Protein backbone atom coordinates (compact mmCIF):
# COMPACT_ATOMS: atom_id res chain seq x y z
CA MET A 1 96.58 39.70 169.37
CA LEU A 2 94.97 37.14 167.28
CA ALA A 3 91.75 35.39 168.36
CA LYS A 4 91.20 31.89 169.28
CA MET A 5 90.67 29.45 166.69
CA ASP A 6 87.18 28.18 166.15
CA LEU A 7 86.15 24.82 167.69
CA HIS A 8 84.94 23.79 164.35
CA ARG A 9 87.72 24.55 162.36
CA GLY A 10 87.21 25.99 159.06
CA THR A 11 83.69 27.14 159.72
CA ASP A 12 84.69 30.66 159.49
CA PHE A 13 86.38 30.23 155.79
CA ASN A 14 84.72 32.43 153.53
CA ASP A 15 83.94 32.20 149.92
CA VAL A 16 87.49 33.43 148.52
CA SER A 17 89.21 31.03 151.13
CA LYS A 18 87.18 28.17 149.92
CA ILE A 19 88.09 28.76 145.98
CA LEU A 20 92.09 28.96 146.92
CA PHE A 21 91.72 25.83 148.78
CA HIS A 22 89.66 24.31 145.94
CA CYS A 23 92.29 25.49 143.56
CA LEU A 24 95.31 23.93 145.54
CA GLN A 25 93.39 20.64 146.02
CA GLY A 26 92.80 20.41 142.63
CA SER A 27 96.44 20.61 141.69
CA ASN A 28 97.47 18.61 144.70
CA PRO A 29 94.75 15.70 145.89
CA GLY A 30 97.04 15.35 149.25
CA PHE A 31 96.49 19.20 150.24
CA ASN A 32 95.20 19.69 153.77
CA ARG A 33 93.64 23.07 154.14
CA PHE A 34 94.08 23.23 158.20
CA SER A 35 97.78 22.15 157.95
CA TYR A 36 98.06 25.22 155.05
CA PHE A 37 95.96 27.33 157.38
CA ASP A 38 98.31 26.50 160.59
CA LYS A 39 101.31 27.56 158.71
CA PHE A 40 99.66 31.25 157.85
CA THR A 41 98.76 31.62 161.70
CA LEU A 42 102.33 31.30 162.45
CA LEU A 43 103.17 34.32 160.51
CA LYS A 44 104.25 37.61 162.48
CA THR A 45 103.76 40.38 159.86
CA ASN A 46 101.55 41.69 157.23
CA VAL A 47 103.85 41.40 154.46
CA GLU A 48 104.64 37.74 155.13
CA ARG A 49 100.91 37.12 155.12
CA VAL A 50 100.46 38.19 152.10
CA ASN A 51 103.51 36.71 150.33
CA PHE A 52 102.34 33.41 151.47
CA VAL A 53 99.26 33.28 149.83
CA TYR A 54 100.40 35.37 146.91
CA LYS A 55 102.50 32.54 145.67
CA ASP A 56 99.51 30.43 145.30
CA VAL A 57 97.15 32.99 144.16
CA LYS A 58 99.33 33.80 140.93
CA LYS A 59 99.26 30.11 139.95
CA TYR A 60 95.28 30.42 139.40
CA PRO A 61 94.71 33.68 137.25
CA ARG A 62 91.56 32.26 135.67
CA ASP A 63 89.59 31.69 139.18
CA PHE A 64 91.05 34.72 140.62
CA VAL A 65 92.09 37.57 138.95
CA LYS A 66 89.71 37.97 136.09
CA PHE A 67 91.23 41.34 134.55
CA MET A 68 88.77 43.07 132.24
CA LYS A 69 90.22 45.72 129.90
CA ASP A 70 88.28 48.80 130.16
CA THR A 71 87.84 50.47 126.92
CA LYS A 72 85.54 53.18 125.35
CA ASN A 73 83.29 51.63 122.56
CA ASP A 74 80.66 53.67 120.59
CA ASP A 75 78.32 50.55 119.80
CA VAL A 76 77.95 50.31 123.90
CA ALA A 77 77.61 54.05 123.87
CA LEU A 78 74.64 53.59 121.27
CA ARG A 79 72.95 50.61 123.26
CA HIS A 80 73.01 53.43 126.19
CA MET A 81 71.85 56.21 123.99
CA GLU A 82 68.80 54.27 122.59
CA ASN A 83 67.61 52.93 126.05
CA ALA A 84 67.68 56.71 127.27
CA LYS A 85 65.66 57.67 124.54
CA LEU A 86 63.28 55.13 124.96
CA LYS A 87 63.09 56.12 128.52
CA LEU A 88 62.56 60.23 127.50
CA ASN A 89 59.80 59.34 125.11
CA CYS A 90 57.83 57.60 128.08
CA ALA A 91 58.35 60.65 130.26
CA ASN A 92 60.72 58.60 132.59
CA TYR A 93 63.31 61.59 132.53
CA TRP A 94 65.39 60.45 135.71
CA GLU A 95 65.79 57.38 134.42
CA ALA A 96 66.78 58.58 131.00
CA LEU A 97 69.62 60.87 132.92
CA GLU A 98 71.11 57.81 134.43
CA SER A 99 71.17 55.92 130.85
CA ASN A 100 72.60 59.24 129.28
CA ALA A 101 75.28 58.94 131.79
CA LEU A 102 76.30 55.47 130.74
CA CYS A 103 76.63 56.68 127.28
CA LEU A 104 78.67 59.52 128.07
CA ALA A 105 80.85 57.18 130.32
CA THR A 106 81.31 54.58 127.55
CA ALA A 107 81.16 57.10 124.29
CA GLN A 108 84.29 56.58 122.14
CA THR A 109 84.22 59.72 119.97
CA ASP A 110 83.52 63.20 119.99
CA ARG A 111 80.18 62.73 118.18
CA PHE A 112 78.68 60.19 120.41
CA LEU A 113 79.68 62.89 123.76
CA ALA A 114 77.70 65.46 121.70
CA LEU A 115 74.58 63.45 121.02
CA ALA A 116 74.76 62.05 124.67
CA TYR A 117 75.07 65.84 125.90
CA SER A 118 72.20 67.14 123.72
CA ASN A 119 69.84 64.27 124.90
CA ARG A 120 70.93 65.06 128.57
CA ALA A 121 70.27 68.82 127.84
CA GLU A 122 66.57 67.69 126.68
CA CYS A 123 66.02 65.74 129.80
CA PHE A 124 67.20 68.86 131.92
CA PHE A 125 64.60 70.69 129.92
CA LYS A 126 61.62 68.61 130.35
CA LEU A 127 62.54 68.60 134.30
CA ASN A 128 62.67 72.51 134.13
CA MET A 129 66.29 72.51 135.21
CA PRO A 130 67.46 75.19 132.94
CA VAL A 131 71.10 75.83 134.70
CA GLN A 132 71.76 72.25 133.95
CA CYS A 133 70.07 72.60 130.65
CA LEU A 134 72.15 75.49 129.54
CA GLU A 135 75.44 73.57 130.86
CA ALA A 136 74.39 70.43 128.65
CA ILE A 137 74.06 72.30 125.78
CA GLU A 138 77.42 74.20 125.98
CA ARG A 139 79.21 70.68 126.40
CA SER A 140 77.64 69.13 123.34
CA LEU A 141 78.66 72.12 121.35
CA GLU A 142 82.33 71.94 122.71
CA HIS A 143 82.79 68.29 121.44
CA CYS A 144 81.05 68.67 118.25
CA ASN A 145 78.87 70.92 116.58
CA VAL A 146 76.17 68.26 115.09
CA LYS A 147 74.12 70.37 112.25
CA GLU A 148 70.87 68.56 113.14
CA LEU A 149 71.06 69.36 116.91
CA GLU A 150 71.40 73.48 116.16
CA ASP A 151 67.70 73.95 115.90
CA LYS A 152 66.80 71.72 119.09
CA HIS A 153 69.78 73.50 120.84
CA ARG A 154 68.86 77.07 119.96
CA GLU A 155 65.00 76.61 120.94
CA MET A 156 65.94 74.41 124.42
CA GLY A 157 68.75 77.43 124.90
CA GLU A 158 66.57 80.48 124.52
CA GLU A 159 63.82 78.86 126.86
CA ALA A 160 65.73 77.78 129.69
CA LYS A 161 67.59 81.56 129.71
CA LYS A 162 64.18 82.83 130.34
CA THR A 163 63.74 81.08 133.81
CA VAL A 164 67.44 80.80 134.99
CA SER A 165 67.66 83.58 137.10
CA SER A 166 64.77 82.63 138.89
CA LEU A 167 65.54 79.58 140.54
CA GLY A 168 67.29 79.17 143.58
CA ASN A 169 70.65 76.90 144.73
CA TYR A 170 69.91 73.14 145.02
CA PHE A 171 72.74 72.50 147.51
CA GLU A 172 72.80 74.04 151.02
CA MET A 173 76.06 75.47 152.24
CA ILE A 174 77.45 74.13 155.91
CA PRO A 175 76.50 77.06 158.14
CA GLN A 176 79.66 78.08 160.30
CA ARG A 177 78.17 80.36 163.06
CA HIS A 178 79.88 80.42 166.14
CA PHE A 179 82.83 78.02 164.86
CA GLU A 180 85.95 78.81 166.46
CA ARG A 181 88.92 76.68 165.12
CA ASN A 182 90.27 74.18 167.25
CA PRO A 183 94.14 74.52 167.45
CA PHE A 184 94.76 70.85 168.41
CA ILE A 185 91.94 69.52 166.25
CA GLN A 186 92.09 70.16 162.60
CA CYS A 187 88.44 69.61 161.68
CA ALA A 188 86.71 70.73 165.33
CA ASN A 189 85.36 73.57 166.99
CA ASN A 190 87.19 75.08 170.04
CA SER A 191 84.28 73.50 172.06
CA ILE A 192 86.00 70.46 172.38
CA LYS A 193 89.29 68.54 173.16
CA CYS A 194 91.40 65.07 173.28
CA GLU A 195 92.05 63.39 176.55
CA GLN A 196 93.95 60.14 177.03
CA ASP A 197 92.45 57.72 179.07
CA GLU A 198 94.65 54.49 179.08
CA SER A 199 94.91 53.62 175.56
CA ARG A 200 91.95 55.41 174.36
CA THR A 201 91.52 59.05 173.19
CA LEU A 202 88.16 61.07 174.55
CA ILE A 203 86.33 63.82 173.12
CA VAL A 204 85.06 65.91 175.89
CA ALA A 205 83.35 69.47 175.71
CA THR A 206 85.08 72.18 176.98
CA ARG A 207 82.48 74.11 177.82
CA ASP A 208 78.52 73.65 177.69
CA ILE A 209 77.51 72.70 174.14
CA GLU A 210 73.74 73.49 173.12
CA ILE A 211 71.79 71.26 171.02
CA GLY A 212 72.00 71.99 167.09
CA GLU A 213 75.81 73.36 167.85
CA ILE A 214 78.38 72.20 164.99
CA LEU A 215 81.16 70.24 166.87
CA ALA A 216 83.48 69.65 163.59
CA ILE A 217 83.44 69.80 159.63
CA GLU A 218 85.50 67.18 158.73
CA LYS A 219 86.60 66.10 155.16
CA PRO A 220 87.82 62.59 154.86
CA TYR A 221 91.20 61.80 154.45
CA THR A 222 89.59 60.10 151.11
CA SER A 223 86.35 58.64 150.06
CA VAL A 224 84.97 56.17 147.38
CA LEU A 225 81.52 55.62 145.59
CA VAL A 226 79.91 52.20 146.27
CA SER A 227 76.76 52.78 144.29
CA ASP A 228 75.03 55.66 142.13
CA ARG A 229 77.92 56.13 139.93
CA GLN A 230 75.68 57.86 137.46
CA ASN A 231 75.01 61.02 139.38
CA HIS A 232 77.92 61.15 141.87
CA CYS A 233 81.32 62.70 141.46
CA HIS A 234 83.85 60.11 141.74
CA HIS A 235 86.18 62.46 143.45
CA CYS A 236 84.29 64.59 145.83
CA LEU A 237 80.84 62.34 145.98
CA HIS A 238 78.75 65.36 145.29
CA LEU A 239 75.28 64.62 143.79
CA CYS A 240 75.82 65.65 140.06
CA TYR A 241 73.14 65.16 137.39
CA ASN A 242 75.57 66.50 134.50
CA PRO A 243 78.66 64.95 135.35
CA ILE A 244 81.73 64.54 132.83
CA PRO A 245 83.44 61.34 132.18
CA CYS A 246 87.11 60.09 132.60
CA SER A 247 88.63 60.24 129.07
CA THR A 248 89.90 56.61 129.76
CA CYS A 249 87.71 54.49 131.99
CA THR A 250 84.02 53.78 131.97
CA VAL A 251 83.68 53.68 135.68
CA ALA A 252 84.56 57.42 136.74
CA LEU A 253 82.39 60.53 136.26
CA PHE A 254 83.21 63.98 137.95
CA CYS A 255 81.09 66.93 138.41
CA ASN A 256 83.57 69.25 136.58
CA GLU A 257 87.05 69.57 135.25
CA SER A 258 88.41 70.73 138.87
CA CYS A 259 87.65 67.52 140.45
CA ARG A 260 88.74 65.21 137.46
CA ASN A 261 92.28 67.16 137.58
CA LYS A 262 92.37 66.73 141.47
CA ALA A 263 91.98 62.91 140.86
CA ALA A 264 94.65 62.43 138.42
CA GLY A 265 97.17 61.58 140.80
CA TYR A 266 95.41 58.71 142.08
CA HIS A 267 93.17 57.75 139.40
CA LYS A 268 95.74 57.15 136.60
CA TYR A 269 96.42 53.98 138.77
CA GLU A 270 92.92 52.83 139.66
CA CYS A 271 91.79 53.84 136.42
CA VAL A 272 92.85 50.85 134.64
CA VAL A 273 91.63 48.23 137.18
CA LEU A 274 88.48 49.97 138.36
CA LEU A 275 86.28 48.00 136.29
CA SER A 276 87.68 44.67 137.45
CA ILE A 277 86.95 45.64 141.02
CA CYS A 278 83.78 47.62 141.10
CA TYR A 279 81.75 44.75 139.01
CA ARG A 280 83.51 41.88 140.90
CA ILE A 281 85.37 40.53 138.03
CA ILE A 282 88.02 39.60 140.23
CA CYS A 283 86.76 36.47 141.93
CA GLU A 284 83.11 36.85 142.02
CA PHE A 285 82.49 36.04 145.83
CA ALA A 286 85.33 37.82 147.13
CA LEU A 287 84.91 41.42 147.36
CA ASP A 288 82.87 43.94 149.52
CA ASN A 289 83.17 47.68 149.21
CA THR A 290 85.84 48.28 151.96
CA ILE A 291 88.36 47.06 149.45
CA LEU A 292 87.71 49.95 147.35
CA LEU A 293 88.28 52.25 150.15
CA ALA A 294 91.43 50.67 151.04
CA LEU A 295 92.83 50.43 147.54
CA LYS A 296 92.18 54.38 147.45
CA ILE A 297 94.22 55.02 150.96
CA ALA A 298 96.94 53.00 150.01
CA LEU A 299 97.42 54.58 146.69
CA LEU A 300 97.38 58.14 148.17
CA ALA A 301 99.71 57.15 151.19
CA LYS A 302 102.33 56.42 148.62
CA ASP A 303 104.47 59.55 149.73
CA ASP A 304 104.17 58.49 153.30
CA TYR A 305 105.43 54.73 152.97
CA SER A 306 109.07 55.55 153.76
CA GLU A 307 107.50 56.84 157.20
CA LEU A 308 105.33 53.76 158.16
CA HIS A 309 108.20 52.52 160.40
CA ALA A 310 108.27 55.79 162.35
CA ILE A 311 104.14 56.23 162.73
CA ARG A 312 103.63 56.57 166.68
CA ARG A 313 100.68 57.25 168.85
CA HIS A 314 99.18 60.87 168.68
CA GLU A 315 100.66 63.08 171.40
CA LEU A 316 97.80 65.58 172.80
CA ASN A 317 100.17 68.49 172.34
CA GLN A 318 100.17 67.97 168.41
CA CYS A 319 97.52 68.92 165.78
CA TYR A 320 95.31 66.00 164.90
CA GLN A 321 94.95 66.31 161.18
CA SER A 322 92.23 64.43 158.98
CA ASP A 323 94.09 64.84 155.76
CA ARG A 324 97.17 63.21 157.17
CA TYR A 325 98.08 59.36 156.61
CA LYS A 326 99.43 58.96 160.05
CA GLU A 327 95.77 59.27 161.96
CA VAL A 328 94.49 56.97 159.48
CA HIS A 329 97.01 54.37 159.87
CA LEU A 330 96.65 54.38 163.61
CA LEU A 331 92.78 53.95 163.61
CA THR A 332 91.85 50.63 165.25
CA HIS A 333 88.66 49.45 166.87
CA SER A 334 89.80 46.05 168.43
CA GLU A 335 92.88 44.54 170.03
CA VAL A 336 91.54 40.89 168.91
CA VAL A 337 92.16 39.82 165.48
CA SER A 338 90.38 37.03 163.80
CA THR A 339 92.87 34.75 161.98
CA TYR A 340 90.26 33.79 159.26
CA GLU A 341 89.81 37.60 158.56
CA LEU A 342 93.43 38.25 158.25
CA PHE A 343 93.70 35.36 155.88
CA HIS A 344 90.87 36.67 153.58
CA GLN A 345 92.47 39.80 153.59
CA ALA A 346 95.71 38.73 152.51
CA ILE A 347 93.95 37.10 149.75
CA LEU A 348 92.25 40.13 148.67
CA THR A 349 95.54 42.02 149.10
CA SER A 350 97.61 39.32 146.81
CA LEU A 351 94.71 39.96 144.29
CA VAL A 352 94.73 43.80 144.12
CA VAL A 353 98.74 43.50 144.06
CA ASP A 354 98.51 41.36 141.18
CA LEU A 355 96.17 43.44 139.40
CA LEU A 356 98.46 46.74 140.00
CA TRP A 357 101.83 45.00 139.15
CA GLN A 358 100.42 43.71 135.98
CA HIS A 359 98.23 46.31 134.55
CA THR A 360 99.85 49.60 136.12
CA SER A 361 103.17 51.28 136.78
CA PHE A 362 102.17 51.78 140.63
CA PHE A 363 105.16 49.83 141.73
CA SER A 364 107.52 51.11 138.82
CA GLY A 365 108.74 54.30 137.65
CA ILE A 366 110.94 57.26 139.24
CA PHE A 367 108.73 57.48 142.28
CA ALA A 368 108.90 53.92 143.14
CA SER A 369 111.73 52.22 145.35
CA SER A 370 112.51 48.52 146.38
CA ASP A 371 110.12 48.88 149.48
CA THR A 372 107.26 50.27 147.58
CA LEU A 373 105.48 46.78 147.14
CA ASP A 374 105.99 45.58 150.62
CA ASN A 375 104.87 49.05 151.77
CA PHE A 376 101.46 49.03 149.85
CA LYS A 377 101.07 45.09 151.10
CA GLU A 378 101.34 46.54 154.59
CA VAL A 379 98.92 49.59 153.97
CA MET A 380 96.74 47.55 152.33
CA MET A 381 96.35 44.99 155.09
CA THR A 382 96.17 47.55 157.33
CA GLN A 383 93.31 49.63 156.12
CA LEU A 384 91.34 46.16 155.14
CA ARG A 385 91.44 45.57 158.60
CA ASN A 386 90.70 49.25 159.88
CA ASN A 387 87.82 49.45 157.47
CA SER A 388 86.05 46.39 158.08
CA ILE A 389 84.46 48.24 161.12
CA ALA A 390 86.04 52.03 160.87
CA ALA A 391 84.86 52.53 157.08
CA VAL A 392 82.02 55.38 157.78
CA ARG A 393 79.12 55.27 155.46
CA ILE A 394 77.92 58.13 153.68
CA TYR A 395 74.32 58.89 152.91
CA GLU A 396 72.04 61.29 151.45
CA TYR A 397 68.26 61.81 151.59
CA THR A 398 66.57 60.27 148.83
CA GLN A 399 62.86 60.96 147.79
CA LYS A 400 61.54 59.13 144.85
CA VAL A 401 57.99 58.22 143.52
CA ASP A 402 58.27 54.67 145.92
CA PHE A 403 61.01 55.65 148.20
CA CYS A 404 61.39 57.95 151.06
CA GLY A 405 64.58 57.79 153.36
CA THR A 406 68.50 57.85 153.90
CA THR A 407 70.39 55.73 151.13
CA ASN A 408 74.04 55.09 151.52
CA PHE A 409 76.39 55.59 148.36
CA GLY A 410 79.73 56.08 149.72
CA LEU A 411 82.56 54.92 152.19
CA GLY A 412 84.92 57.31 153.81
CA ALA A 413 87.69 57.63 156.24
CA TYR A 414 87.07 59.84 158.95
CA PRO A 415 90.12 59.81 161.23
CA PHE A 416 88.38 62.38 163.82
CA PHE A 417 85.17 61.01 163.76
CA SER A 418 86.68 57.53 164.35
CA LEU A 419 87.80 58.62 167.66
CA LEU A 420 84.53 59.21 168.99
CA PRO A 421 83.08 55.96 170.80
CA HIS A 422 79.83 54.39 169.91
CA SER A 423 76.74 55.25 171.81
CA CYS A 424 73.29 53.43 171.49
CA CYS A 425 71.93 56.89 172.95
CA ALA A 426 74.37 59.02 171.07
CA ASN A 427 74.54 62.99 172.15
CA VAL A 428 76.40 63.57 168.50
CA MET A 429 75.15 63.22 165.03
CA LYS A 430 76.63 63.30 161.48
CA THR A 431 75.21 64.56 158.39
CA TYR A 432 76.84 64.88 154.90
CA HIS A 433 77.61 67.72 152.35
CA GLY A 434 78.93 65.67 149.53
CA ASN A 435 81.92 63.67 151.34
CA THR A 436 82.28 66.53 154.07
CA MET A 437 80.74 65.20 157.26
CA VAL A 438 79.05 67.60 159.81
CA LEU A 439 79.05 66.73 163.45
CA ARG A 440 76.11 68.52 165.64
CA ALA A 441 75.31 68.17 169.19
CA LEU A 442 71.98 65.99 169.60
CA ASN A 443 71.85 66.93 173.31
CA THR A 444 72.93 69.54 175.37
CA ILE A 445 76.73 68.48 176.17
CA HIS A 446 77.87 69.91 179.70
CA THR A 447 81.57 70.93 180.38
CA GLY A 448 83.57 67.88 180.92
CA GLU A 449 80.99 65.13 179.36
CA GLN A 450 82.38 62.78 176.76
CA CYS A 451 80.91 62.93 173.30
CA PHE A 452 79.53 60.05 171.40
CA VAL A 453 78.22 59.06 168.13
CA ASN A 454 76.02 56.47 166.68
CA ARG A 455 78.41 54.08 164.62
CA TYR A 456 76.78 51.17 163.27
CA GLY A 457 73.29 52.15 163.29
CA LEU A 458 72.52 50.41 166.51
CA ARG A 459 70.55 53.07 168.05
CA TYR A 460 67.98 51.67 171.16
CA ASP A 461 65.10 52.53 169.01
CA VAL A 462 66.12 50.58 165.94
CA SER A 463 67.66 47.34 167.49
CA ASN A 464 66.95 45.78 170.69
CA LYS A 465 69.65 44.83 172.97
CA GLN A 466 69.92 41.22 172.12
CA GLU A 467 70.58 42.16 168.44
CA ARG A 468 73.08 44.56 169.46
CA VAL A 469 75.03 42.30 171.81
CA HIS A 470 75.08 39.68 168.83
CA PHE A 471 76.77 42.52 166.80
CA TRP A 472 79.59 43.34 169.15
CA GLU A 473 80.55 39.51 169.73
CA LYS A 474 80.42 38.79 165.91
CA ASN A 475 82.86 41.56 165.13
CA LEU A 476 84.91 41.15 168.00
CA LEU A 477 84.28 44.21 169.61
CA PRO A 478 83.89 45.31 173.27
CA SER A 479 80.22 45.45 174.63
CA CYS A 480 78.56 48.63 174.57
CA THR A 481 78.06 50.32 178.10
CA CYS A 482 75.73 53.61 177.00
CA ARG A 483 73.30 53.95 179.45
CA ALA A 484 70.73 52.40 176.89
CA CYS A 485 72.21 49.42 177.26
CA ARG A 486 73.05 49.52 180.81
CA GLU A 487 69.53 50.21 181.79
CA ASN A 488 68.19 48.32 178.87
CA TRP A 489 66.06 51.48 177.40
CA SER A 490 62.97 50.57 175.30
CA ALA A 491 61.86 53.21 172.78
CA ASP A 492 58.86 55.64 173.43
CA LEU A 493 57.69 57.32 170.32
CA SER A 494 54.25 58.08 171.65
CA GLY A 495 54.77 61.76 172.16
CA SER A 496 54.22 62.87 168.30
CA ARG A 497 50.68 64.04 168.90
CA ARG A 498 51.71 66.21 171.66
CA ILE A 499 54.58 67.72 169.83
CA CYS A 500 52.13 68.36 166.90
CA GLU A 501 50.03 70.30 169.39
CA ARG A 502 53.08 72.49 170.74
CA LEU A 503 53.79 73.13 167.08
CA ASP A 504 50.08 74.20 166.41
CA LEU A 505 49.76 70.70 164.01
CA ASP A 506 47.00 68.51 163.16
CA ALA A 507 47.78 65.75 165.31
CA MET A 508 49.76 62.77 163.42
CA GLU A 509 52.14 60.25 163.78
CA LEU A 510 55.56 60.81 163.83
CA GLY A 511 56.34 59.26 160.25
CA ASP A 512 53.75 61.40 158.63
CA LEU A 513 55.26 64.67 160.77
CA VAL A 514 58.66 63.77 159.13
CA THR A 515 57.88 62.72 155.48
CA ASN A 516 54.46 64.88 154.98
CA VAL A 517 55.05 68.11 156.92
CA ILE A 518 58.57 68.69 156.77
CA GLY A 519 59.75 66.15 153.84
CA VAL A 520 62.39 67.99 152.11
CA ASP A 521 61.26 71.18 152.39
CA ILE A 522 64.56 73.09 154.03
CA ASN A 523 62.09 76.16 154.47
CA LYS A 524 60.01 73.95 156.89
CA ALA A 525 63.15 72.40 158.47
CA GLU A 526 64.68 75.95 159.43
CA GLU A 527 61.18 76.96 160.65
CA PHE A 528 60.64 74.08 163.21
CA LEU A 529 64.33 73.51 164.13
CA PRO A 530 64.19 76.40 166.81
CA ARG A 531 61.10 75.33 168.29
CA LEU A 532 62.14 71.30 168.36
CA ILE A 533 65.39 72.49 170.07
CA GLU A 534 63.54 74.54 172.91
CA LEU A 535 61.25 71.48 173.57
CA LEU A 536 63.79 68.93 173.60
CA LYS A 537 65.84 71.22 176.34
CA GLU A 538 62.67 70.93 178.36
CA CYS A 539 62.61 67.12 178.14
CA GLU A 540 65.93 65.62 177.07
CA SER A 541 66.87 64.56 180.94
CA SER A 542 63.84 62.24 180.77
CA GLU A 543 65.06 60.17 177.78
CA PRO A 544 63.90 57.29 177.07
CA MET A 545 60.25 58.81 178.56
CA GLY A 546 58.26 61.27 177.27
CA ASP A 547 59.09 63.23 173.88
CA ALA A 548 62.48 63.26 174.17
CA LEU A 549 63.39 60.23 171.51
CA ALA A 550 60.69 61.58 168.99
CA LEU A 551 62.08 65.17 169.16
CA LYS A 552 65.62 64.19 168.68
CA ASN A 553 64.45 61.95 165.63
CA LEU A 554 62.81 65.38 163.99
CA ILE A 555 65.59 67.36 164.76
CA ALA A 556 67.97 65.01 163.15
CA HIS A 557 65.65 64.54 160.02
CA CYS A 558 65.90 68.42 159.66
CA TYR A 559 69.63 68.89 159.75
CA VAL A 560 69.58 65.84 157.14
CA ILE A 561 67.80 67.42 154.75
CA LEU A 562 69.98 70.75 155.01
CA GLY A 563 72.59 68.54 153.76
CA ASN A 564 72.71 65.93 151.06
CA LYS A 565 69.42 65.35 148.88
CA ASN A 566 68.69 63.07 146.21
CA VAL A 567 65.04 64.12 145.27
CA GLN A 568 63.62 62.92 142.09
CA PHE A 569 60.92 65.76 141.75
CA ASP A 570 58.26 66.31 139.11
CA GLN A 571 57.29 70.13 138.49
CA SER A 572 54.52 70.35 141.40
CA GLN A 573 57.54 69.40 143.74
CA ARG A 574 59.81 71.73 142.55
CA ASP A 575 59.11 74.56 144.76
CA VAL A 576 59.76 72.32 147.74
CA VAL A 577 63.26 71.25 147.04
CA LEU A 578 64.63 74.59 145.51
CA LYS A 579 65.18 77.37 148.68
CA PRO A 580 64.27 80.83 147.23
């Protein structure tokens, strides 16, 4: 249902709405935005809402759809190459790699591609990353055998081959011991099941689940990068210091040919418009990152358009599939819809429709039908609504000279994860391997108990109850009824010194234990995990008092660094990052 109108009418109109009103008033001095909006609120369907604003958005292309043609250009590539060389000469090798990635993305000719790969090989050589160095040399030679690079390639290649066999694998595989496939949940362990409670789907334990046990390994229906494009794959989101560019656009980089080929089905449509969307060329203040995820879902769901009218609520005797659009379409976290948000989403959908209509073949060709346009509008509107809350942030543990902690770099649509309700004292945690999510028990979960996750970063040890309540109200969400909220828990992290004593370590604060003792050392993490879990079993029932919260934070950190890591190490740190 629609939310009640704000008493102070117009206060909830955002920038993109105000731009439309400004344009309409400029061409019609008698225009009244409240009358216009009242007509919008009477519309019943998403398609009607988009059509209502689309007819006006099209009138003002200079104010809204500021399309930028994306072309390769060696002059632009040269500027990035010179910047990369400057950073290389200053021993800023990680920054040089990022500039080299921009050079590769914009390079037009094989010669510039060869030079960019060669410069990248030199960065890897300086960083003592021989596998990547040899790969970059090989790619440079594939594009163009530049004569002046022969001696440089030969010298680096011979030196790199001496050390390549002694180095381990940077990426950790997902452990799947004791993981029995669930016949009714595609991505889940057989230790959990779905139960129906009125209109909600609950996830409950079918047996006692131990701390650290994997509940699910979920690949998203799809995911998108929202930052760090220079060193992550556009398709699988894996950290990749040696990506290859899209042959057409300057935005997408892929970890290898396989990912580039897998992306071809949807990227052929987004390729032309991605620059305009990613770099806010469309209506400068209008966009947030959820539009990228909604667009990609709408492109991928094209084959399901004809079945939209038949999508029904999931039946418990059917398999819940994360790779099927039906599950994504049914995700919703609130019965209340803000009319202001619907208005905003209708404008955004209109902008995207116009881009695709004007510059791609998505709404034409042999695979399009007369209903393709309306179905796209329906899916785009549905996903913009869902993604405002349901889009899941994808993170990695980042360690640089001046920063240490988790950073978000992507968004994903994870249908199963989205079934799990929020708790400010969750008993399940998530980590990532690329865009693959791993869900683990962070507490002992007994048979019949419900599983909860922390959905919005609103843990009771991070945000006080007043801040959490404000979030629910602002986003039209039902208030949280977890134990931490009911009993107004206060965080107790004073147990770090007792934990250090039990681990035979010198006394230190929790932050020092996380960053200085464990850090990104996966050997340390695997060494401490069994001992930390045993300590938590002894005291988890006493949370929030005692050592339980500190132990949960330590356990969570250990699991996080077994997944995505972006560690810009120097030579002295390398043995810490790489596992023998």
